[in-house]
Protein backbone atom coordinates (compact mmCIF):
# COMPACT_ATOMS: atom_id res chain seq x y z
CA UNK A 1 9.23 26.49 12.24
CA UNK A 2 6.52 27.48 14.72
CA UNK A 3 4.05 24.83 13.96
CA UNK A 4 6.89 22.52 13.88
CA UNK A 5 8.38 22.63 16.81
CA UNK A 6 4.75 22.68 18.21
CA UNK A 7 3.89 19.35 16.40
CA UNK A 8 7.06 17.81 17.73
CA UNK A 9 6.42 18.51 21.83
CA UNK A 10 2.60 17.71 20.87
CA UNK A 11 3.25 14.56 19.67
CA UNK A 12 6.42 13.69 22.03
CA UNK A 13 3.67 14.50 25.16
CA UNK A 14 0.88 11.93 23.49
CA UNK A 15 3.40 9.31 22.96
CA UNK A 16 4.42 9.40 26.70
CA UNK A 17 0.97 9.20 27.64
CA UNK A 18 0.69 6.07 25.20
CA UNK A 19 3.60 4.55 26.58
CA UNK A 20 3.98 5.37 30.29
CA UNK A 21 3.64 2.59 32.44
CA UNK A 22 0.21 2.46 33.53
CA UNK A 23 -1.87 2.01 36.84
CA UNK A 24 -5.03 0.45 36.17
CA UNK A 25 -4.57 -3.12 36.02
CA UNK A 26 -6.19 -5.13 33.16
CA UNK A 27 -5.05 -7.46 30.47
CA UNK A 28 -6.23 -4.97 27.82
CA UNK A 29 -3.82 -2.13 29.31
CA UNK A 30 -1.94 -1.47 26.01
CA UNK A 31 -3.88 -2.02 22.44
CA UNK A 32 -2.92 -1.47 18.77
CA UNK A 33 -6.13 -1.07 16.70
CA UNK A 34 -6.32 -1.44 13.01
CA UNK A 35 -9.94 -0.10 11.46
CA UNK A 36 -10.35 0.77 7.49
CA UNK A 37 -12.86 2.34 5.96
CA UNK A 38 -14.06 4.66 3.93
CA UNK A 39 -14.96 8.88 4.44
CA UNK A 40 -16.15 11.27 2.01
CA UNK A 41 -14.01 14.98 1.57
CA UNK A 42 -15.53 18.52 0.68
CA UNK A 43 -12.82 19.05 -1.63
CA UNK A 44 -11.54 16.03 -3.50
CA UNK A 45 -12.74 12.81 -4.29
CA UNK A 46 -13.86 9.71 -1.11
CA UNK A 47 -12.13 6.48 -0.75
CA UNK A 48 -10.99 4.37 1.15
CA UNK A 49 -8.93 4.92 4.05
CA UNK A 50 -6.61 3.20 6.74
CA UNK A 51 -6.59 3.80 10.62
CA UNK A 52 -4.13 2.51 12.74
CA UNK A 53 -4.23 3.47 16.40
CA UNK A 54 -1.96 2.78 20.00
CA UNK A 55 -4.25 3.01 22.51
CA UNK A 56 -3.86 2.68 26.09
CA UNK A 57 -6.86 2.40 29.04
CA UNK A 58 -6.91 4.90 31.49
CA UNK A 59 -9.09 3.01 33.65
CA UNK A 60 -12.56 0.34 32.75
CA UNK A 61 -13.52 4.25 31.11
CA UNK A 62 -10.88 6.11 29.20
CA UNK A 63 -9.12 5.48 26.48
CA UNK A 64 -6.25 7.44 25.00
CA UNK A 65 -4.74 6.96 21.62
CA UNK A 66 -2.11 7.38 18.80
CA UNK A 67 -3.45 7.51 15.43
CA UNK A 68 -3.29 8.46 11.99
CA UNK A 69 -6.17 7.64 9.24
CA UNK A 70 -3.99 7.67 6.10
CA UNK A 71 -5.69 8.57 2.53
CA UNK A 72 -3.89 7.42 -0.56
CA UNK A 73 -5.69 8.08 -3.83
CA UNK A 74 -4.49 7.16 -7.60
CA UNK A 75 -6.87 9.09 -10.44
CA UNK A 76 -6.19 7.79 -13.66
CA UNK A 77 -7.81 9.58 -17.05
CA UNK A 78 -7.52 7.09 -19.69
CA UNK A 79 -9.41 5.49 -23.12
CA UNK A 80 -10.12 3.40 -24.91
CA UNK A 81 -7.80 3.45 -28.83
CA UNK A 82 -8.58 0.14 -29.87
CA UNK A 83 -10.16 -3.16 -29.83
CA UNK A 84 -9.96 -6.64 -30.98
CA UNK A 85 -11.89 -9.53 -31.16
CA UNK A 86 -9.20 -12.91 -31.19
CA UNK A 87 -12.46 -15.52 -31.32
CA UNK A 88 -12.50 -17.99 -28.66
CA UNK A 89 -13.95 -15.54 -26.39
CA UNK A 90 -10.97 -12.91 -25.97
CA UNK A 91 -11.18 -9.86 -26.18
CA UNK A 92 -8.53 -7.20 -26.23
CA UNK A 93 -8.24 -3.28 -25.57
CA UNK A 94 -5.95 -1.21 -25.75
CA UNK A 95 -5.47 1.60 -23.05
CA UNK A 96 -4.39 5.03 -23.53
CA UNK A 97 -3.19 6.54 -20.23
CA UNK A 98 -4.15 10.38 -20.56
CA UNK A 99 -4.07 12.13 -17.20
CA UNK A 100 -3.27 10.53 -13.48
CA UNK A 101 -3.28 12.55 -10.41
CA UNK A 102 -2.58 10.97 -7.14
CA UNK A 103 -2.70 12.32 -3.12
CA UNK A 104 -1.69 11.16 0.14
CA UNK A 105 -3.77 12.32 3.36
CA UNK A 106 -1.79 11.71 6.46
CA UNK A 107 -3.21 13.03 9.95
CA UNK A 108 -0.97 12.11 13.24
CA UNK A 109 -3.89 12.92 15.85
CA UNK A 110 -3.98 12.64 19.34
CA UNK A 111 -7.85 10.87 21.17
CA UNK A 112 -9.44 9.89 23.41
CA UNK A 113 -12.31 7.42 24.17
CA UNK A 114 -15.39 7.42 26.85
CA UNK A 115 -17.25 3.96 27.34
CA UNK A 116 -20.77 4.95 27.96
CA UNK A 117 -21.65 1.86 28.66
CA UNK A 118 -22.97 -1.27 27.42
CA UNK A 119 -25.94 -2.68 24.80
CA UNK A 120 -27.12 -5.14 26.48
CA UNK A 121 -29.30 -6.49 22.81
CA UNK A 122 -26.03 -7.03 21.21
CA UNK A 123 -23.87 -7.68 24.44
CA UNK A 124 -21.82 -4.90 23.29
CA UNK A 125 -20.12 -1.34 24.66
CA UNK A 126 -20.72 1.86 23.17
CA UNK A 127 -18.96 5.07 22.91
CA UNK A 128 -18.02 8.51 22.15
CA UNK A 129 -14.03 10.25 21.14
CA UNK A 130 -12.80 13.39 19.99
CA UNK A 131 -9.48 14.29 18.97
CA UNK A 132 -7.41 16.51 16.84
CA UNK A 133 -3.95 17.26 14.92
CA UNK A 134 -2.09 18.46 12.11
CA UNK A 135 -2.30 16.85 8.75
CA UNK A 136 -0.57 16.88 5.86
CA UNK A 137 -1.34 16.41 1.84
CA UNK A 138 0.43 15.71 -0.90
CA UNK A 139 -0.84 16.19 -4.39
CA UNK A 140 0.86 15.28 -7.63
CA UNK A 141 -0.12 15.61 -11.04
CA UNK A 142 0.72 14.59 -14.68
CA UNK A 143 -0.39 15.19 -17.86
CA UNK A 144 0.41 12.55 -20.31
CA UNK A 145 -0.52 15.26 -23.31
CA UNK A 146 1.51 18.47 -22.32
CA UNK A 147 4.24 18.20 -19.62
CA UNK A 148 3.30 21.31 -18.45
CA UNK A 149 0.69 21.02 -16.42
CA UNK A 150 2.59 18.10 -15.03
CA UNK A 151 2.45 19.46 -10.98
CA UNK A 152 3.03 18.88 -7.50
CA UNK A 153 1.49 20.50 -4.18
CA UNK A 154 1.81 20.23 -0.36
CA UNK A 155 -0.31 21.54 2.06
CA UNK A 156 -0.58 21.08 5.60
CA UNK A 157 -3.22 22.36 8.28
CA UNK A 158 -4.53 21.52 12.06
CA UNK A 159 -7.75 18.54 12.44
CA UNK A 160 -10.29 17.76 15.03
CA UNK A 161 -13.09 14.97 15.31
CA UNK A 162 -15.98 14.16 16.55
CA UNK A 163 -16.93 9.89 16.85
CA UNK A 164 -19.26 7.60 17.74
CA UNK A 165 -19.13 3.12 18.00
CA UNK A 166 -19.47 0.31 19.33
CA UNK A 167 -16.47 -1.97 20.53
CA UNK A 168 -17.49 -6.44 20.51
CA UNK A 169 -15.10 -8.16 23.07
CA UNK A 170 -14.78 -10.92 21.23
CA UNK A 171 -12.53 -12.74 23.29
CA UNK A 172 -10.06 -11.20 26.78
CA UNK A 173 -8.40 -9.72 24.10
CA UNK A 174 -9.68 -8.35 21.05
CA UNK A 175 -12.51 -6.82 19.69
CA UNK A 176 -14.40 -5.53 16.98
CA UNK A 177 -15.10 -2.09 16.35
CA UNK A 178 -17.74 -0.04 14.34
CA UNK A 179 -17.14 3.61 14.56
CA UNK A 180 -18.57 6.86 12.37
CA UNK A 181 -17.16 10.34 12.85
CA UNK A 182 -16.91 13.59 11.65
CA UNK A 183 -13.73 15.58 10.34
CA UNK A 184 -12.83 18.90 10.17
CA UNK A 185 -9.32 19.90 8.34
CA UNK A 186 -8.35 23.05 5.89
CA UNK A 187 -5.48 22.69 5.07
CA UNK A 188 -3.41 25.15 2.74
CA UNK A 189 0.09 26.41 1.36
CA UNK A 190 1.49 29.55 0.22
CA UNK A 191 -0.37 31.10 -2.77
CA UNK A 192 1.38 32.53 -5.54
CA UNK A 193 -1.59 34.73 -6.29
CA UNK A 194 -0.36 38.52 -6.74
CA UNK A 195 -1.72 40.56 -4.03
CA UNK A 196 -0.72 42.85 -1.17
CA UNK A 197 -2.69 41.01 1.35
CA UNK A 198 -1.44 37.66 2.87
CA UNK A 199 -3.06 34.99 0.31
CA UNK A 200 -3.33 30.62 0.57
CA UNK A 201 -4.42 27.90 -1.44
CA UNK A 202 -6.59 25.89 0.93
CA UNK A 203 -8.30 22.66 0.48
CA UNK A 204 -11.06 22.02 2.85
CA UNK A 205 -10.70 17.71 4.36
CA UNK A 206 -13.88 18.24 6.22
CA UNK A 207 -16.48 15.10 5.91
CA UNK A 208 -18.14 11.86 7.40
CA UNK A 209 -16.69 8.78 7.82
CA UNK A 210 -17.30 5.09 8.77
CA UNK A 211 -14.86 2.21 9.94
CA UNK A 212 -14.73 -1.11 10.79
CA UNK A 213 -12.51 -2.76 12.67
CA UNK A 214 -10.39 -5.09 15.41
CA UNK A 215 -8.26 -4.24 17.98
CA UNK A 216 -5.98 -6.40 19.85
CA UNK A 217 -4.30 -5.76 23.07
CA UNK A 218 0.11 -6.45 23.40
């Protein structure tokens, strides 16, 4: 309950900061940024992530953001149980699905990027940034051979990250963004392990990621 209360206050404050009326007079006061990327995680399989940010420039160097970086992963354990050749180049495989796992990681973060200057060789600006927030992990497993193995598990925990990248302006309102990031996050849930001491089940979602995307002024 206490975590949920602080999370609501945190989101409200950052949203107000991003969308408040700005004092800096620029065509890029507010931006929406979409950056697909690929990330590695310590305790789950790596995969594609989808980063969406609402950004506001405080001045010509500092940008605040409210963002998420969603991971959706579907892992299918299947086997070929039969194959057929119908001639004329048509081959058919009969696939049996044995087990399927599905997980979704959803962080909600506040971040700040700082423009460090212009890279004259590429006519681009480079930046560094950092941020933090709260992350949820939803996991489900279905075993088609043994229904008793099927399970659902939900985790939550704090996340922080550092990043650096390059921003290339292609027009007055649009720029391309490339960045590399490192995040640290351990999500947990109450454990069913029998102990006289407090215990929890933890999943480490720390790892490196790279993203490429586009920022558009709104």
